[in-house]
C-alpha atoms as a PDB file:
ATOM      1  CA  UNK A   1      27.526 107.802 -37.003  1.00  0.00           C
ATOM      2  CA  UNK A   2      29.518 110.006 -39.361  1.00  0.00           C
ATOM      3  CA  UNK A   3      33.195 110.520 -39.993  1.00  0.00           C
ATOM      4  CA  UNK A   4      34.539 113.797 -38.597  1.00  0.00           C
ATOM      5  CA  UNK A   5      33.813 116.663 -40.988  1.00  0.00           C
ATOM      6  CA  UNK A   6      31.482 114.623 -43.203  1.00  0.00           C
ATOM      7  CA  UNK A   7      27.701 114.779 -43.556  1.00  0.00           C
ATOM      8  CA  UNK A   8      27.026 111.217 -44.743  1.00  0.00           C
ATOM      9  CA  UNK A   9      27.046 108.285 -42.364  1.00  0.00           C
ATOM     10  CA  UNK A  10      30.054 105.996 -42.316  1.00  0.00           C
ATOM     11  CA  UNK A  11      27.957 103.202 -43.783  1.00  0.00           C
ATOM     12  CA  UNK A  12      26.765 105.415 -46.657  1.00  0.00           C
ATOM     13  CA  UNK A  13      30.312 106.501 -47.469  1.00  0.00           C
ATOM     14  CA  UNK A  14      31.679 102.973 -47.392  1.00  0.00           C
ATOM     15  CA  UNK A  15      28.779 101.698 -49.484  1.00  0.00           C
ATOM     16  CA  UNK A  16      29.573 104.352 -52.095  1.00  0.00           C
ATOM     17  CA  UNK A  17      33.216 103.228 -52.155  1.00  0.00           C
ATOM     18  CA  UNK A  18      32.503  99.494 -52.397  1.00  0.00           C
ATOM     19  CA  UNK A  19      32.158  97.891 -55.807  1.00  0.00           C
ATOM     20  CA  UNK A  20      30.048  95.017 -54.457  1.00  0.00           C
ATOM     21  CA  UNK A  21      32.577  92.285 -55.212  1.00  0.00           C
ATOM     22  CA  UNK A  22      34.900  92.571 -52.227  1.00  0.00           C
ATOM     23  CA  UNK A  23      37.959  93.100 -54.449  1.00  0.00           C
ATOM     24  CA  UNK A  24      38.334  96.601 -53.036  1.00  0.00           C
ATOM     25  CA  UNK A  25      37.962  95.533 -49.399  1.00  0.00           C
ATOM     26  CA  UNK A  26      41.597  95.910 -48.383  1.00  0.00           C
ATOM     27  CA  UNK A  27      41.947  99.393 -49.866  1.00  0.00           C
ATOM     28  CA  UNK A  28      38.714 100.564 -48.244  1.00  0.00           C
ATOM     29  CA  UNK A  29      39.775  99.139 -44.866  1.00  0.00           C
ATOM     30  CA  UNK A  30      43.200 100.745 -45.218  1.00  0.00           C
ATOM     31  CA  UNK A  31      41.587 104.158 -45.668  1.00  0.00           C
ATOM     32  CA  UNK A  32      38.884 103.584 -43.069  1.00  0.00           C
ATOM     33  CA  UNK A  33      40.172 100.982 -40.595  1.00  0.00           C
ATOM     34  CA  UNK A  34      37.075 101.173 -38.383  1.00  0.00           C
ATOM     35  CA  UNK A  35      35.087  99.486 -41.172  1.00  0.00           C
ATOM     36  CA  UNK A  36      36.234  96.066 -39.980  1.00  0.00           C
ATOM     37  CA  UNK A  37      34.693  96.639 -36.546  1.00  0.00           C
ATOM     38  CA  UNK A  38      31.467  98.243 -37.795  1.00  0.00           C
ATOM     39  CA  UNK A  39      30.457  96.267 -40.855  1.00  0.00           C
ATOM     40  CA  UNK A  40      28.592  93.466 -39.026  1.00  0.00           C
ATOM     41  CA  UNK A  41      26.289  96.028 -37.420  1.00  0.00           C
ATOM     42  CA  UNK A  42      25.756  97.687 -40.811  1.00  0.00           C
ATOM     43  CA  UNK A  43      24.758  94.326 -42.288  1.00  0.00           C
ATOM     44  CA  UNK A  44      22.244  93.803 -39.472  1.00  0.00           C
ATOM     45  CA  UNK A  45      20.822  97.327 -39.899  1.00  0.00           C
ATOM     46  CA  UNK A  46      20.447  96.860 -43.651  1.00  0.00           C
ATOM     47  CA  UNK A  47      18.778  93.475 -43.134  1.00  0.00           C
ATOM     48  CA  UNK A  48      16.301  94.905 -40.637  1.00  0.00           C
ATOM     49  CA  UNK A  49      15.470  97.596 -43.200  1.00  0.00           C
ATOM     50  CA  UNK A  50      15.090  95.003 -45.960  1.00  0.00           C
ATOM     51  CA  UNK A  51      17.857  96.653 -47.969  1.00  0.00           C
ATOM     52  CA  UNK A  52      19.212  93.448 -49.519  1.00  0.00           C
ATOM     53  CA  UNK A  53      21.390  95.244 -52.050  1.00  0.00           C
ATOM     54  CA  UNK A  54      23.231  96.892 -49.173  1.00  0.00           C
ATOM     55  CA  UNK A  55      23.435  93.611 -47.230  1.00  0.00           C
ATOM     56  CA  UNK A  56      25.004  91.911 -50.254  1.00  0.00           C
ATOM     57  CA  UNK A  57      27.455  94.742 -50.854  1.00  0.00           C
ATOM     58  CA  UNK A  58      28.588  94.845 -47.221  1.00  0.00           C
ATOM     59  CA  UNK A  59      28.764  91.046 -46.943  1.00  0.00           C
ATOM     60  CA  UNK A  60      31.011  90.883 -49.999  1.00  0.00           C
ATOM     61  CA  UNK A  61      33.140  93.686 -48.588  1.00  0.00           C
ATOM     62  CA  UNK A  62      33.422  91.985 -45.183  1.00  0.00           C
ATOM     63  CA  UNK A  63      34.330  88.518 -46.452  1.00  0.00           C
ATOM     64  CA  UNK A  64      37.989  89.149 -47.355  1.00  0.00           C
ATOM     65  CA  UNK A  65      38.461  91.271 -44.232  1.00  0.00           C
ATOM     66  CA  UNK A  66      37.342  88.462 -41.920  1.00  0.00           C
ATOM     67  CA  UNK A  67      35.471  91.085 -39.968  1.00  0.00           C
ATOM     68  CA  UNK A  68      34.303  90.008 -36.523  1.00  0.00           C
ATOM     69  CA  UNK A  69      30.607  89.245 -36.162  1.00  0.00           C
ATOM     70  CA  UNK A  70      29.868  88.991 -39.869  1.00  0.00           C
ATOM     71  CA  UNK A  71      29.335  85.235 -39.797  1.00  0.00           C
ATOM     72  CA  UNK A  72      26.785  85.646 -37.025  1.00  0.00           C
ATOM     73  CA  UNK A  73      25.017  88.479 -38.835  1.00  0.00           C
ATOM     74  CA  UNK A  74      24.742  86.450 -42.035  1.00  0.00           C
ATOM     75  CA  UNK A  75      23.578  83.365 -40.145  1.00  0.00           C
ATOM     76  CA  UNK A  76      20.845  85.451 -38.486  1.00  0.00           C
ATOM     77  CA  UNK A  77      19.604  86.484 -41.926  1.00  0.00           C
ATOM     78  CA  UNK A  78      19.680  82.910 -43.201  1.00  0.00           C
ATOM     79  CA  UNK A  79      17.819  81.665 -40.122  1.00  0.00           C
ATOM     80  CA  UNK A  80      15.159  84.378 -40.377  1.00  0.00           C
ATOM     81  CA  UNK A  81      11.898  84.357 -42.283  1.00  0.00           C
ATOM     82  CA  UNK A  82      13.129  87.250 -44.424  1.00  0.00           C
ATOM     83  CA  UNK A  83      12.551  87.175 -48.159  1.00  0.00           C
ATOM     84  CA  UNK A  84      14.284  88.988 -50.976  1.00  0.00           C
ATOM     85  CA  UNK A  85      17.933  88.302 -50.180  1.00  0.00           C
ATOM     86  CA  UNK A  86      20.299  86.146 -52.219  1.00  0.00           C
ATOM     87  CA  UNK A  87      20.607  83.045 -50.054  1.00  0.00           C
ATOM     88  CA  UNK A  88      23.231  81.410 -52.276  1.00  0.00           C
ATOM     89  CA  UNK A  89      25.563  84.409 -52.016  1.00  0.00           C
ATOM     90  CA  UNK A  90      25.304  84.555 -48.233  1.00  0.00           C
ATOM     91  CA  UNK A  91      25.940  80.808 -47.921  1.00  0.00           C
ATOM     92  CA  UNK A  92      28.966  81.135 -50.200  1.00  0.00           C
ATOM     93  CA  UNK A  93      30.367  84.010 -48.136  1.00  0.00           C
ATOM     94  CA  UNK A  94      29.913  81.974 -44.962  1.00  0.00           C
ATOM     95  CA  UNK A  95      31.925  79.189 -46.592  1.00  0.00           C
END
């Protein structure tokens, strides 16, 4: 899914905007309010692809936004047999 008039996917654009810490979450969500509703699915997609850098970046972005579904997406990753992700970071984000 892309934003109107843009070639990159929404997830790619938001990933490029995010600094990976979550400090910029509110400003990104203000400019692209649909992020809050989409980010859990982006986390799941990145996890299925084994893109743990992207999972971490989106999880940190989602945490201060209290985006719906993110807790479930992170729990799915933690409960899976996946390797390569930063378990401690995901547990910390879950609280």
